[in-house]
Amino acid sequence: LWHISHEGLELEDPANAPNYDHLLVLGTTPEKAPDEGEIVTMTFEKGVPKSVNGKEMKVSDIIRTLNKLGGKHGIGIVDIVEN
């Protein structure tokens, strides 16, 4: 729920540029994301998230919802070169 990563195959050779259309499952590149941002509101009870945009849901569903919203807007994409 919290993280997804890709490695192996063409990514093992730093000479290869990543094919984001093939790699990205939960999101999109910032270049393909909407030009307009989206306002998201959350409510918490004793530090525990309870709702997103006024809709109450289980924490696991909140995480899925936020992953979907963030992915839609190209949030969370990082390239890392390992030794």
C-alpha atoms as a PDB file:
ATOM      1  CA  LEU A   1       0.000   0.000   0.000  1.00  0.00           C
ATOM      2  CA  TRP A   2       2.803   2.441   0.830  1.00  0.00           C
ATOM      3  CA  HIS A   3       5.346   1.878  -1.911  1.00  0.00           C
ATOM      4  CA  ILE A   4       6.016   0.326  -5.287  1.00  0.00           C
ATOM      5  CA  SER A   5       9.393   0.069  -6.973  1.00  0.00           C
ATOM      6  CA  HIS A   6      10.746  -1.261 -10.240  1.00  0.00           C
ATOM      7  CA  GLU A   7      14.156  -2.697 -10.958  1.00  0.00           C
ATOM      8  CA  GLY A   8      15.815  -5.176 -13.231  1.00  0.00           C
ATOM      9  CA  LEU A   9      15.857  -5.780 -16.964  1.00  0.00           C
ATOM     10  CA  GLU A  10      16.477  -2.549 -18.899  1.00  0.00           C
ATOM     11  CA  LEU A  11      16.869  -0.569 -15.668  1.00  0.00           C
ATOM     12  CA  GLU A  12      20.042  -2.461 -14.764  1.00  0.00           C
ATOM     13  CA  ASP A  13      21.970  -0.642 -17.514  1.00  0.00           C
ATOM     14  CA  PRO A  14      22.329   3.082 -16.699  1.00  0.00           C
ATOM     15  CA  ALA A  15      22.698   3.782 -20.429  1.00  0.00           C
ATOM     16  CA  ASN A  16      19.014   2.943 -20.865  1.00  0.00           C
ATOM     17  CA  ALA A  17      16.417   5.625 -20.220  1.00  0.00           C
ATOM     18  CA  PRO A  18      13.448   4.296 -18.243  1.00  0.00           C
ATOM     19  CA  ASN A  19      10.300   3.597 -20.240  1.00  0.00           C
ATOM     20  CA  TYR A  20       7.813   5.187 -17.856  1.00  0.00           C
ATOM     21  CA  ASP A  21       4.816   4.192 -19.975  1.00  0.00           C
ATOM     22  CA  HIS A  22       5.795   0.578 -19.311  1.00  0.00           C
ATOM     23  CA  LEU A  23       6.971   0.983 -15.701  1.00  0.00           C
ATOM     24  CA  LEU A  24       4.454   3.212 -13.973  1.00  0.00           C
ATOM     25  CA  VAL A  25       1.524   1.249 -12.597  1.00  0.00           C
ATOM     26  CA  LEU A  26       0.165   3.594  -9.923  1.00  0.00           C
ATOM     27  CA  GLY A  27       0.959   6.914 -11.492  1.00  0.00           C
ATOM     28  CA  THR A  28       2.008   9.032 -14.395  1.00  0.00           C
ATOM     29  CA  THR A  29       4.897  11.321 -15.159  1.00  0.00           C
ATOM     30  CA  PRO A  30       4.544  14.983 -14.179  1.00  0.00           C
ATOM     31  CA  GLU A  31       4.585  15.848 -17.898  1.00  0.00           C
ATOM     32  CA  LYS A  32       1.440  13.763 -18.456  1.00  0.00           C
ATOM     33  CA  ALA A  33      -0.285  14.855 -15.234  1.00  0.00           C
ATOM     34  CA  PRO A  34      -3.118  17.406 -15.270  1.00  0.00           C
ATOM     35  CA  ASP A  35      -2.035  21.044 -15.454  1.00  0.00           C
ATOM     36  CA  GLU A  36      -4.425  21.971 -12.643  1.00  0.00           C
ATOM     37  CA  GLY A  37      -3.922  20.803  -9.081  1.00  0.00           C
ATOM     38  CA  GLU A  38      -6.598  19.178  -6.965  1.00  0.00           C
ATOM     39  CA  ILE A  39      -7.585  20.166  -3.432  1.00  0.00           C
ATOM     40  CA  VAL A  40      -7.781  17.227  -1.036  1.00  0.00           C
ATOM     41  CA  THR A  41      -9.183  17.501   2.480  1.00  0.00           C
ATOM     42  CA  MET A  42      -8.728  14.946   5.228  1.00  0.00           C
ATOM     43  CA  THR A  43     -10.149  14.539   8.700  1.00  0.00           C
ATOM     44  CA  PHE A  44      -8.404  12.830  11.592  1.00  0.00           C
ATOM     45  CA  GLU A  45      -9.573  11.482  14.932  1.00  0.00           C
ATOM     46  CA  LYS A  46      -6.874  11.155  17.608  1.00  0.00           C
ATOM     47  CA  GLY A  47      -4.266  11.193  14.835  1.00  0.00           C
ATOM     48  CA  VAL A  48      -5.929   8.450  12.773  1.00  0.00           C
ATOM     49  CA  PRO A  49      -7.175   9.424   9.297  1.00  0.00           C
ATOM     50  CA  LYS A  50     -10.941   9.072   8.995  1.00  0.00           C
ATOM     51  CA  SER A  51     -12.007  10.644   5.697  1.00  0.00           C
ATOM     52  CA  VAL A  52     -10.864  12.059   2.372  1.00  0.00           C
ATOM     53  CA  ASN A  53     -12.875  14.834   0.745  1.00  0.00           C
ATOM     54  CA  GLY A  54     -15.717  14.292   3.216  1.00  0.00           C
ATOM     55  CA  LYS A  55     -16.037  10.554   2.561  1.00  0.00           C
ATOM     56  CA  GLU A  56     -15.386   8.357   5.614  1.00  0.00           C
ATOM     57  CA  MET A  57     -13.493   5.159   4.912  1.00  0.00           C
ATOM     58  CA  LYS A  58     -11.129   2.586   6.407  1.00  0.00           C
ATOM     59  CA  VAL A  59      -7.469   3.586   6.663  1.00  0.00           C
ATOM     60  CA  SER A  60      -6.513   1.065   3.965  1.00  0.00           C
ATOM     61  CA  ASP A  61      -9.056   2.650   1.609  1.00  0.00           C
ATOM     62  CA  ILE A  62      -7.747   6.119   2.472  1.00  0.00           C
ATOM     63  CA  ILE A  63      -4.250   4.999   1.472  1.00  0.00           C
ATOM     64  CA  ARG A  64      -5.558   3.567  -1.806  1.00  0.00           C
ATOM     65  CA  THR A  65      -7.501   6.774  -2.510  1.00  0.00           C
ATOM     66  CA  LEU A  66      -4.477   8.981  -1.816  1.00  0.00           C
ATOM     67  CA  ASN A  67      -2.250   6.731  -3.952  1.00  0.00           C
ATOM     68  CA  LYS A  68      -4.712   7.108  -6.819  1.00  0.00           C
ATOM     69  CA  LEU A  69      -4.918  10.900  -6.434  1.00  0.00           C
ATOM     70  CA  GLY A  70      -1.152  11.283  -6.078  1.00  0.00           C
ATOM     71  CA  GLY A  71      -0.476   8.985  -9.015  1.00  0.00           C
ATOM     72  CA  LYS A  72      -2.873  10.959 -11.192  1.00  0.00           C
ATOM     73  CA  HIS A  73      -0.816  14.083 -10.487  1.00  0.00           C
ATOM     74  CA  GLY A  74       2.632  12.513 -10.946  1.00  0.00           C
ATOM     75  CA  ILE A  75       3.562  12.577  -7.260  1.00  0.00           C
ATOM     76  CA  GLY A  76       6.200  10.228  -5.886  1.00  0.00           C
ATOM     77  CA  ILE A  77       8.321   9.294  -8.892  1.00  0.00           C
ATOM     78  CA  VAL A  78      12.014   8.959  -8.019  1.00  0.00           C
ATOM     79  CA  ASP A  79      14.966   7.692 -10.069  1.00  0.00           C
ATOM     80  CA  ILE A  80      17.772   6.071  -8.084  1.00  0.00           C
ATOM     81  CA  VAL A  81      21.133   4.826  -9.358  1.00  0.00           C
ATOM     82  CA  GLU A  82      22.544   2.006  -7.240  1.00  0.00           C
ATOM     83  CA  ASN A  83      26.158   0.964  -6.981  1.00  0.00           C
END
